[in-house]
Amino acid sequence: MIKSQQQELDVTEEIEVVLIPVYEVIQRVLMGEISVCGTVTAIFLG
């Protein structure tokens, strides 16, 4: 299990961490489910 540290979120923020295989992440980018520019760049350059 991967440990994470306590998050300090704003009142309106809600973040869920989900671990998925890389091939599925790429599929989700290509299907438009993941579209944040910085995230997409990191996936393809990573």
N, C-alpha and C. Protein backbone atom coordinates (compact mmCIF):
# COMPACT_ATOMS: atom_id res chain seq x y z
N MET A 1 0.84 -1.18 0.00
CA MET A 1 0.00 0.00 0.00
C MET A 1 0.88 1.25 0.00
N ILE A 2 0.48 2.22 -0.79
CA ILE A 2 1.22 3.48 -0.87
C ILE A 2 0.68 4.43 0.20
N LYS A 3 1.59 4.99 0.96
CA LYS A 3 1.19 5.92 2.01
C LYS A 3 1.21 7.34 1.45
N SER A 4 0.29 8.14 1.91
CA SER A 4 0.27 9.54 1.53
C SER A 4 0.18 10.37 2.80
N GLN A 5 0.45 11.64 2.64
CA GLN A 5 0.39 12.50 3.82
C GLN A 5 -0.94 13.22 3.88
N GLN A 6 -1.23 13.79 5.02
CA GLN A 6 -2.47 14.52 5.23
C GLN A 6 -2.57 15.69 4.27
N GLN A 7 -3.71 15.84 3.63
CA GLN A 7 -3.92 16.94 2.69
C GLN A 7 -4.52 18.14 3.41
N GLU A 8 -4.19 19.32 2.92
CA GLU A 8 -4.76 20.55 3.45
C GLU A 8 -5.62 21.17 2.34
N LEU A 9 -6.85 20.70 2.25
CA LEU A 9 -7.75 21.13 1.18
C LEU A 9 -8.54 22.35 1.58
N ASP A 10 -8.93 23.13 0.56
CA ASP A 10 -9.87 24.22 0.79
C ASP A 10 -11.24 23.62 1.13
N VAL A 11 -12.12 24.40 1.68
CA VAL A 11 -13.45 23.93 2.08
C VAL A 11 -14.20 23.32 0.89
N THR A 12 -14.01 23.87 -0.31
CA THR A 12 -14.75 23.40 -1.48
C THR A 12 -14.04 22.29 -2.25
N GLU A 13 -12.84 21.90 -1.84
CA GLU A 13 -12.09 20.87 -2.56
C GLU A 13 -12.41 19.48 -2.05
N GLU A 14 -12.45 18.54 -2.98
CA GLU A 14 -12.60 17.14 -2.65
C GLU A 14 -11.76 16.35 -3.65
N ILE A 15 -10.74 15.67 -3.17
CA ILE A 15 -9.82 14.95 -4.05
C ILE A 15 -9.81 13.47 -3.67
N GLU A 16 -9.94 12.62 -4.67
CA GLU A 16 -9.87 11.18 -4.47
C GLU A 16 -8.69 10.65 -5.28
N VAL A 17 -7.79 9.94 -4.62
CA VAL A 17 -6.63 9.36 -5.30
C VAL A 17 -7.00 7.94 -5.72
N VAL A 18 -6.84 7.67 -7.03
CA VAL A 18 -7.16 6.36 -7.58
C VAL A 18 -5.95 5.86 -8.36
N LEU A 19 -5.47 4.68 -8.04
CA LEU A 19 -4.34 4.09 -8.76
C LEU A 19 -4.86 3.23 -9.89
N ILE A 20 -4.42 3.55 -11.13
CA ILE A 20 -4.81 2.76 -12.30
C ILE A 20 -3.57 2.51 -13.16
N PRO A 21 -3.58 1.45 -13.97
CA PRO A 21 -2.43 1.14 -14.82
C PRO A 21 -2.19 2.25 -15.86
N VAL A 22 -0.94 2.41 -16.26
CA VAL A 22 -0.55 3.45 -17.21
C VAL A 22 -1.33 3.35 -18.52
N TYR A 23 -1.50 2.14 -19.05
CA TYR A 23 -2.21 2.00 -20.32
C TYR A 23 -3.64 2.53 -20.21
N GLU A 24 -4.25 2.37 -19.04
CA GLU A 24 -5.61 2.87 -18.86
C GLU A 24 -5.62 4.40 -18.76
N VAL A 25 -4.60 4.97 -18.17
CA VAL A 25 -4.49 6.43 -18.09
C VAL A 25 -4.39 7.01 -19.50
N ILE A 26 -3.56 6.39 -20.34
CA ILE A 26 -3.40 6.86 -21.72
C ILE A 26 -4.73 6.74 -22.48
N GLN A 27 -5.44 5.65 -22.28
CA GLN A 27 -6.75 5.48 -22.91
C GLN A 27 -7.70 6.60 -22.48
N ARG A 28 -7.69 6.92 -21.20
CA ARG A 28 -8.58 7.96 -20.68
C ARG A 28 -8.23 9.33 -21.24
N VAL A 29 -6.93 9.59 -21.45
CA VAL A 29 -6.52 10.85 -22.08
C VAL A 29 -7.04 10.90 -23.51
N LEU A 30 -6.85 9.83 -24.25
CA LEU A 30 -7.27 9.79 -25.65
C LEU A 30 -8.80 9.89 -25.80
N MET A 31 -9.54 9.41 -24.80
CA MET A 31 -11.00 9.48 -24.84
C MET A 31 -11.52 10.81 -24.28
N GLY A 32 -10.62 11.65 -23.77
CA GLY A 32 -11.03 12.95 -23.27
C GLY A 32 -11.48 12.97 -21.82
N GLU A 33 -11.35 11.84 -21.12
CA GLU A 33 -11.75 11.78 -19.72
C GLU A 33 -10.75 12.52 -18.82
N ILE A 34 -9.50 12.56 -19.24
CA ILE A 34 -8.46 13.33 -18.55
C ILE A 34 -8.03 14.40 -19.53
N SER A 35 -8.24 15.67 -19.15
CA SER A 35 -7.97 16.74 -20.13
C SER A 35 -7.22 17.94 -19.56
N VAL A 36 -6.77 17.87 -18.32
CA VAL A 36 -6.03 18.98 -17.74
C VAL A 36 -4.65 19.01 -18.41
N CYS A 37 -4.32 20.14 -19.00
CA CYS A 37 -3.11 20.28 -19.83
C CYS A 37 -1.84 19.78 -19.13
N GLY A 38 -1.61 20.19 -17.91
CA GLY A 38 -0.40 19.78 -17.19
C GLY A 38 -0.36 18.29 -16.93
N THR A 39 -1.51 17.70 -16.64
CA THR A 39 -1.59 16.26 -16.40
C THR A 39 -1.31 15.48 -17.68
N VAL A 40 -1.93 15.89 -18.77
CA VAL A 40 -1.73 15.23 -20.06
C VAL A 40 -0.26 15.31 -20.48
N THR A 41 0.34 16.49 -20.32
CA THR A 41 1.76 16.67 -20.67
C THR A 41 2.63 15.74 -19.84
N ALA A 42 2.39 15.68 -18.54
CA ALA A 42 3.18 14.82 -17.66
C ALA A 42 3.05 13.35 -18.04
N ILE A 43 1.86 12.94 -18.44
CA ILE A 43 1.64 11.54 -18.83
C ILE A 43 2.47 11.20 -20.07
N PHE A 44 2.45 12.06 -21.07
CA PHE A 44 3.15 11.75 -22.31
C PHE A 44 4.65 12.01 -22.26
N LEU A 45 5.10 12.86 -21.36
CA LEU A 45 6.53 13.12 -21.23
C LEU A 45 7.18 12.26 -20.15
N GLY A 46 6.34 11.68 -19.27
CA GLY A 46 6.81 10.93 -18.12
C GLY A 46 7.40 9.64 -18.48
